[in-house]
């Protein structure tokens, strides 16, 4: 099913992108600067929102990392259509093939739900960030403030992981970020519109490597 997921991902996400994700990405990615790493970039949805910063010279280097070959195969054509110079790398978030302190900004959108280990992924992100570097994140998370919805997430999660590429519904990603020794500077919790109820709770914001 992995090859199929790469081709149906964008159509499945289109409603939520139009309803809220696109606007959230614009606001979040305005802060990307310097050498930028987009971790778990999927089909490259972030590229169009990073393009203005690239053209303005705010982003000097853009690297895209994605473990799924089918997903990564869609990033190149999107980059060429936007006339963007992007470095493509196939690798998991838990094992980033870059030297320590290589990047000023790491972008992580809708990926920590599906990595094998969010804790290991965040430690790798922290490793490749320079001191004072920024993590820009947007993730769907556990419904911590909605006990009834959280129970439904817990019931559905075992089946959902199999259908949706290891996507977890109950991860407390905000806590994981703090426990990875990031200083969370800003975090917004908001419901994802045009999404299934059990994937609506979300967080987005900025954290900095201390």
C-alpha atoms as a PDB file:
ATOM      1  CA  UNK A   1       0.000   0.000   0.000  1.00  0.00           C
ATOM      2  CA  UNK A   2       3.001   2.330   0.386  1.00  0.00           C
ATOM      3  CA  UNK A   3       3.228   3.089  -3.350  1.00  0.00           C
ATOM      4  CA  UNK A   4      -0.496   3.829  -3.459  1.00  0.00           C
ATOM      5  CA  UNK A   5      -0.273   6.194  -0.485  1.00  0.00           C
ATOM      6  CA  UNK A   6       2.142   8.439  -2.350  1.00  0.00           C
ATOM      7  CA  UNK A   7      -0.407   9.026  -5.108  1.00  0.00           C
ATOM      8  CA  UNK A   8      -3.544   9.417  -3.011  1.00  0.00           C
ATOM      9  CA  UNK A   9      -2.019  11.546  -0.230  1.00  0.00           C
ATOM     10  CA  UNK A  10      -2.489  14.960  -1.851  1.00  0.00           C
ATOM     11  CA  UNK A  11      -6.120  14.332  -2.965  1.00  0.00           C
ATOM     12  CA  UNK A  12      -7.033  12.963   0.481  1.00  0.00           C
ATOM     13  CA  UNK A  13      -5.525  16.003   2.212  1.00  0.00           C
ATOM     14  CA  UNK A  14      -6.937  18.592  -0.197  1.00  0.00           C
ATOM     15  CA  UNK A  15      -9.983  19.506   1.905  1.00  0.00           C
ATOM     16  CA  UNK A  16      -7.989  20.137   5.081  1.00  0.00           C
ATOM     17  CA  UNK A  17      -5.289  21.979   3.125  1.00  0.00           C
ATOM     18  CA  UNK A  18      -7.846  24.392   1.714  1.00  0.00           C
ATOM     19  CA  UNK A  19      -9.689  24.742   5.019  1.00  0.00           C
ATOM     20  CA  UNK A  20      -6.722  25.464   7.291  1.00  0.00           C
ATOM     21  CA  UNK A  21      -3.419  23.692   6.656  1.00  0.00           C
ATOM     22  CA  UNK A  22      -2.315  25.942   3.781  1.00  0.00           C
ATOM     23  CA  UNK A  23      -2.830  29.089   5.869  1.00  0.00           C
ATOM     24  CA  UNK A  24      -1.107  27.529   8.843  1.00  0.00           C
ATOM     25  CA  UNK A  25       1.859  26.514   6.684  1.00  0.00           C
ATOM     26  CA  UNK A  26       2.221  30.062   5.310  1.00  0.00           C
ATOM     27  CA  UNK A  27       2.278  31.554   8.814  1.00  0.00           C
ATOM     28  CA  UNK A  28       4.615  28.893  10.195  1.00  0.00           C
ATOM     29  CA  UNK A  29       7.121  28.759   7.352  1.00  0.00           C
ATOM     30  CA  UNK A  30       7.630  32.517   7.192  1.00  0.00           C
ATOM     31  CA  UNK A  31      10.139  31.886   9.986  1.00  0.00           C
ATOM     32  CA  UNK A  32      12.317  29.508   7.956  1.00  0.00           C
ATOM     33  CA  UNK A  33      15.769  30.930   7.266  1.00  0.00           C
ATOM     34  CA  UNK A  34      19.355  30.045   6.496  1.00  0.00           C
ATOM     35  CA  UNK A  35      20.048  26.361   5.841  1.00  0.00           C
ATOM     36  CA  UNK A  36      16.648  24.639   6.050  1.00  0.00           C
ATOM     37  CA  UNK A  37      15.849  20.937   6.434  1.00  0.00           C
ATOM     38  CA  UNK A  38      12.300  19.693   5.733  1.00  0.00           C
ATOM     39  CA  UNK A  39      12.035  16.369   7.584  1.00  0.00           C
ATOM     40  CA  UNK A  40       9.509  13.791   6.406  1.00  0.00           C
ATOM     41  CA  UNK A  41       8.505  16.116   3.608  1.00  0.00           C
ATOM     42  CA  UNK A  42       6.050  13.689   2.021  1.00  0.00           C
ATOM     43  CA  UNK A  43       5.058  14.811  -1.467  1.00  0.00           C
ATOM     44  CA  UNK A  44       6.612  18.255  -0.994  1.00  0.00           C
ATOM     45  CA  UNK A  45       3.540  20.232   0.023  1.00  0.00           C
ATOM     46  CA  UNK A  46       5.700  22.717   1.936  1.00  0.00           C
ATOM     47  CA  UNK A  47       7.677  23.754  -1.137  1.00  0.00           C
ATOM     48  CA  UNK A  48       5.178  26.299  -2.423  1.00  0.00           C
ATOM     49  CA  UNK A  49       5.103  27.930   1.012  1.00  0.00           C
ATOM     50  CA  UNK A  50       8.902  28.023   1.283  1.00  0.00           C
ATOM     51  CA  UNK A  51       9.356  29.437  -2.230  1.00  0.00           C
ATOM     52  CA  UNK A  52       8.921  33.121  -1.209  1.00  0.00           C
ATOM     53  CA  UNK A  53      11.686  32.804   1.397  1.00  0.00           C
ATOM     54  CA  UNK A  54      13.966  31.102  -1.150  1.00  0.00           C
ATOM     55  CA  UNK A  55      13.396  33.837  -3.739  1.00  0.00           C
ATOM     56  CA  UNK A  56      13.997  36.544  -1.146  1.00  0.00           C
ATOM     57  CA  UNK A  57      17.299  34.979  -0.136  1.00  0.00           C
ATOM     58  CA  UNK A  58      16.024  34.277   3.373  1.00  0.00           C
ATOM     59  CA  UNK A  59      16.623  30.562   2.743  1.00  0.00           C
ATOM     60  CA  UNK A  60      20.157  29.863   1.483  1.00  0.00           C
ATOM     61  CA  UNK A  61      19.937  26.075   1.275  1.00  0.00           C
ATOM     62  CA  UNK A  62      16.897  23.779   1.220  1.00  0.00           C
ATOM     63  CA  UNK A  63      17.176  20.048   1.893  1.00  0.00           C
ATOM     64  CA  UNK A  64      14.212  17.679   1.762  1.00  0.00           C
ATOM     65  CA  UNK A  65      14.329  14.329   3.593  1.00  0.00           C
ATOM     66  CA  UNK A  66      11.685  11.629   3.098  1.00  0.00           C
ATOM     67  CA  UNK A  67      11.976   7.858   3.707  1.00  0.00           C
ATOM     68  CA  UNK A  68       9.298   6.826   1.208  1.00  0.00           C
ATOM     69  CA  UNK A  69      10.603   6.614  -2.361  1.00  0.00           C
ATOM     70  CA  UNK A  70       7.146   7.154  -3.873  1.00  0.00           C
ATOM     71  CA  UNK A  71       6.590  10.325  -1.889  1.00  0.00           C
ATOM     72  CA  UNK A  72      10.103  11.611  -2.601  1.00  0.00           C
ATOM     73  CA  UNK A  73       9.577  11.013  -6.297  1.00  0.00           C
ATOM     74  CA  UNK A  74       6.889  13.692  -6.319  1.00  0.00           C
ATOM     75  CA  UNK A  75       9.065  16.350  -4.692  1.00  0.00           C
ATOM     76  CA  UNK A  76      11.437  16.848  -7.633  1.00  0.00           C
ATOM     77  CA  UNK A  77       8.745  17.760 -10.188  1.00  0.00           C
ATOM     78  CA  UNK A  78       7.151  20.186  -7.725  1.00  0.00           C
ATOM     79  CA  UNK A  79      10.507  21.840  -7.071  1.00  0.00           C
ATOM     80  CA  UNK A  80      11.202  22.176 -10.796  1.00  0.00           C
ATOM     81  CA  UNK A  81       7.768  23.678 -11.389  1.00  0.00           C
ATOM     82  CA  UNK A  82       8.598  26.301  -8.757  1.00  0.00           C
ATOM     83  CA  UNK A  83      12.131  26.820 -10.160  1.00  0.00           C
ATOM     84  CA  UNK A  84      13.588  25.880  -6.772  1.00  0.00           C
ATOM     85  CA  UNK A  85      16.999  24.333  -6.130  1.00  0.00           C
ATOM     86  CA  UNK A  86      16.272  21.557  -3.634  1.00  0.00           C
ATOM     87  CA  UNK A  87      18.511  18.764  -2.353  1.00  0.00           C
ATOM     88  CA  UNK A  88      16.623  15.452  -2.076  1.00  0.00           C
ATOM     89  CA  UNK A  89      17.616  12.744   0.403  1.00  0.00           C
ATOM     90  CA  UNK A  90      15.903   9.431   1.169  1.00  0.00           C
ATOM     91  CA  UNK A  91      16.284   8.701   4.884  1.00  0.00           C
ATOM     92  CA  UNK A  92      14.190   8.215   8.036  1.00  0.00           C
ATOM     93  CA  UNK A  93      13.890  10.953  10.631  1.00  0.00           C
ATOM     94  CA  UNK A  94      15.525   8.701  13.214  1.00  0.00           C
ATOM     95  CA  UNK A  95      18.763   8.532  11.185  1.00  0.00           C
ATOM     96  CA  UNK A  96      19.417  11.834   9.440  1.00  0.00           C
ATOM     97  CA  UNK A  97      22.549  11.587   7.261  1.00  0.00           C
ATOM     98  CA  UNK A  98      23.907  15.016   8.120  1.00  0.00           C
ATOM     99  CA  UNK A  99      26.676  16.323  10.340  1.00  0.00           C
ATOM    100  CA  UNK A 100      25.942  17.912  13.692  1.00  0.00           C
ATOM    101  CA  UNK A 101      24.850  21.555  13.633  1.00  0.00           C
ATOM    102  CA  UNK A 102      24.260  21.623   9.849  1.00  0.00           C
ATOM    103  CA  UNK A 103      20.992  23.574   9.762  1.00  0.00           C
ATOM    104  CA  UNK A 104      19.509  26.831  11.028  1.00  0.00           C
ATOM    105  CA  UNK A 105      15.878  25.689  10.661  1.00  0.00           C
ATOM    106  CA  UNK A 106      14.170  22.300  10.684  1.00  0.00           C
ATOM    107  CA  UNK A 107      10.615  22.003   9.364  1.00  0.00           C
ATOM    108  CA  UNK A 108       8.486  19.131  10.655  1.00  0.00           C
ATOM    109  CA  UNK A 109       4.859  19.080   9.455  1.00  0.00           C
ATOM    110  CA  UNK A 110       2.520  16.107   9.839  1.00  0.00           C
ATOM    111  CA  UNK A 111       5.371  13.638  10.241  1.00  0.00           C
ATOM    112  CA  UNK A 112       5.959  12.885  13.938  1.00  0.00           C
ATOM    113  CA  UNK A 113       2.668  11.000  14.045  1.00  0.00           C
ATOM    114  CA  UNK A 114       4.041   8.324  11.708  1.00  0.00           C
ATOM    115  CA  UNK A 115       7.752   7.969  12.497  1.00  0.00           C
ATOM    116  CA  UNK A 116       8.792   4.816  14.345  1.00  0.00           C
ATOM    117  CA  UNK A 117      10.096   6.848  17.281  1.00  0.00           C
ATOM    118  CA  UNK A 118       9.204  10.518  17.771  1.00  0.00           C
ATOM    119  CA  UNK A 119      11.673  10.723  20.642  1.00  0.00           C
ATOM    120  CA  UNK A 120      14.598   9.469  18.527  1.00  0.00           C
ATOM    121  CA  UNK A 121      13.516  11.675  15.619  1.00  0.00           C
ATOM    122  CA  UNK A 122      13.498  14.787  17.778  1.00  0.00           C
ATOM    123  CA  UNK A 123      16.929  13.980  19.180  1.00  0.00           C
ATOM    124  CA  UNK A 124      18.218  13.695  15.600  1.00  0.00           C
ATOM    125  CA  UNK A 125      16.574  16.987  14.689  1.00  0.00           C
ATOM    126  CA  UNK A 126      18.203  18.609  17.686  1.00  0.00           C
ATOM    127  CA  UNK A 127      21.573  17.121  16.719  1.00  0.00           C
ATOM    128  CA  UNK A 128      21.564  18.596  13.202  1.00  0.00           C
ATOM    129  CA  UNK A 129      20.340  22.021  14.354  1.00  0.00           C
ATOM    130  CA  UNK A 130      22.858  24.731  15.126  1.00  0.00           C
ATOM    131  CA  UNK A 131      22.773  26.334  18.595  1.00  0.00           C
ATOM    132  CA  UNK A 132      19.796  28.683  18.674  1.00  0.00           C
ATOM    133  CA  UNK A 133      18.310  26.981  15.602  1.00  0.00           C
ATOM    134  CA  UNK A 134      14.552  26.715  15.160  1.00  0.00           C
ATOM    135  CA  UNK A 135      12.170  23.786  14.866  1.00  0.00           C
ATOM    136  CA  UNK A 136       8.956  24.729  13.037  1.00  0.00           C
ATOM    137  CA  UNK A 137       6.314  22.087  13.745  1.00  0.00           C
ATOM    138  CA  UNK A 138       2.704  21.301  12.825  1.00  0.00           C
ATOM    139  CA  UNK A 139       1.282  17.973  13.962  1.00  0.00           C
ATOM    140  CA  UNK A 140      -1.984  16.266  14.796  1.00  0.00           C
ATOM    141  CA  UNK A 141      -1.943  14.912  18.344  1.00  0.00           C
ATOM    142  CA  UNK A 142      -3.829  13.159  21.123  1.00  0.00           C
ATOM    143  CA  UNK A 143      -7.037  14.832  22.293  1.00  0.00           C
ATOM    144  CA  UNK A 144      -5.616  15.438  25.759  1.00  0.00           C
ATOM    145  CA  UNK A 145      -8.378  17.853  26.806  1.00  0.00           C
ATOM    146  CA  UNK A 146     -11.220  15.729  25.349  1.00  0.00           C
ATOM    147  CA  UNK A 147     -11.362  12.412  27.288  1.00  0.00           C
ATOM    148  CA  UNK A 148     -14.176  10.946  25.194  1.00  0.00           C
ATOM    149  CA  UNK A 149     -12.402  11.722  21.912  1.00  0.00           C
ATOM    150  CA  UNK A 150      -9.131  10.433  23.331  1.00  0.00           C
ATOM    151  CA  UNK A 151     -10.783   7.103  24.160  1.00  0.00           C
ATOM    152  CA  UNK A 152     -12.022   6.876  20.578  1.00  0.00           C
ATOM    153  CA  UNK A 153      -8.527   7.655  19.316  1.00  0.00           C
ATOM    154  CA  UNK A 154      -7.155   4.841  21.474  1.00  0.00           C
ATOM    155  CA  UNK A 155      -9.736   2.382  20.125  1.00  0.00           C
ATOM    156  CA  UNK A 156      -9.221   3.323  16.488  1.00  0.00           C
ATOM    157  CA  UNK A 157      -5.431   3.698  16.532  1.00  0.00           C
ATOM    158  CA  UNK A 158      -4.412   0.000  16.055  1.00  0.00           C
ATOM    159  CA  UNK A 159      -6.403  -0.265  12.820  1.00  0.00           C
ATOM    160  CA  UNK A 160      -5.618   3.290  11.708  1.00  0.00           C
ATOM    161  CA  UNK A 161      -1.853   2.698  11.921  1.00  0.00           C
ATOM    162  CA  UNK A 162      -2.164  -0.156   9.425  1.00  0.00           C
ATOM    163  CA  UNK A 163      -4.313   1.814   7.016  1.00  0.00           C
ATOM    164  CA  UNK A 164      -2.476   5.137   7.228  1.00  0.00           C
ATOM    165  CA  UNK A 165       1.240   4.370   7.055  1.00  0.00           C
ATOM    166  CA  UNK A 166       1.932   3.985  10.798  1.00  0.00           C
ATOM    167  CA  UNK A 167       0.053   7.200  11.635  1.00  0.00           C
ATOM    168  CA  UNK A 168      -0.596   7.358  15.390  1.00  0.00           C
ATOM    169  CA  UNK A 169      -3.567   9.223  16.850  1.00  0.00           C
ATOM    170  CA  UNK A 170      -2.516   9.472  20.491  1.00  0.00           C
ATOM    171  CA  UNK A 171       0.985  10.923  20.442  1.00  0.00           C
ATOM    172  CA  UNK A 172       1.657  13.793  22.870  1.00  0.00           C
ATOM    173  CA  UNK A 173       4.026  15.542  20.510  1.00  0.00           C
ATOM    174  CA  UNK A 174       4.189  18.824  22.410  1.00  0.00           C
ATOM    175  CA  UNK A 175       5.537  16.956  25.414  1.00  0.00           C
ATOM    176  CA  UNK A 176       8.034  15.035  23.284  1.00  0.00           C
ATOM    177  CA  UNK A 177       9.407  18.308  21.907  1.00  0.00           C
ATOM    178  CA  UNK A 178       9.924  19.727  25.388  1.00  0.00           C
ATOM    179  CA  UNK A 179      11.482  16.488  26.635  1.00  0.00           C
ATOM    180  CA  UNK A 180      13.986  16.613  23.754  1.00  0.00           C
ATOM    181  CA  UNK A 181      15.333  19.766  25.426  1.00  0.00           C
ATOM    182  CA  UNK A 182      13.811  22.266  23.028  1.00  0.00           C
ATOM    183  CA  UNK A 183      12.576  25.584  24.341  1.00  0.00           C
ATOM    184  CA  UNK A 184       9.012  25.898  23.046  1.00  0.00           C
ATOM    185  CA  UNK A 185       8.607  29.569  22.187  1.00  0.00           C
ATOM    186  CA  UNK A 186       5.094  29.467  20.771  1.00  0.00           C
ATOM    187  CA  UNK A 187       2.498  26.714  20.412  1.00  0.00           C
ATOM    188  CA  UNK A 188      -1.110  26.898  19.192  1.00  0.00           C
ATOM    189  CA  UNK A 189      -3.676  24.153  19.684  1.00  0.00           C
ATOM    190  CA  UNK A 190      -6.479  24.144  17.128  1.00  0.00           C
ATOM    191  CA  UNK A 191      -8.954  21.753  15.542  1.00  0.00           C
ATOM    192  CA  UNK A 192      -8.223  20.711  11.958  1.00  0.00           C
ATOM    193  CA  UNK A 193     -11.210  21.606   9.810  1.00  0.00           C
ATOM    194  CA  UNK A 194     -12.418  19.221   7.098  1.00  0.00           C
ATOM    195  CA  UNK A 195     -10.697  16.310   8.860  1.00  0.00           C
ATOM    196  CA  UNK A 196     -12.066  13.193  10.509  1.00  0.00           C
ATOM    197  CA  UNK A 197     -12.945  13.910  14.166  1.00  0.00           C
ATOM    198  CA  UNK A 198     -10.251  11.641  15.577  1.00  0.00           C
ATOM    199  CA  UNK A 199      -7.459  13.470  13.694  1.00  0.00           C
ATOM    200  CA  UNK A 200      -8.638  17.008  14.385  1.00  0.00           C
ATOM    201  CA  UNK A 201      -6.619  17.922  17.516  1.00  0.00           C
ATOM    202  CA  UNK A 202      -3.420  19.634  16.390  1.00  0.00           C
ATOM    203  CA  UNK A 203      -0.496  21.733  17.551  1.00  0.00           C
ATOM    204  CA  UNK A 204       1.784  24.072  15.650  1.00  0.00           C
ATOM    205  CA  UNK A 205       4.490  26.471  16.636  1.00  0.00           C
ATOM    206  CA  UNK A 206       8.168  27.220  17.084  1.00  0.00           C
ATOM    207  CA  UNK A 207      10.765  25.638  19.376  1.00  0.00           C
ATOM    208  CA  UNK A 208      14.425  26.545  19.678  1.00  0.00           C
ATOM    209  CA  UNK A 209      17.525  24.491  20.389  1.00  0.00           C
ATOM    210  CA  UNK A 210      18.937  25.743  23.654  1.00  0.00           C
END
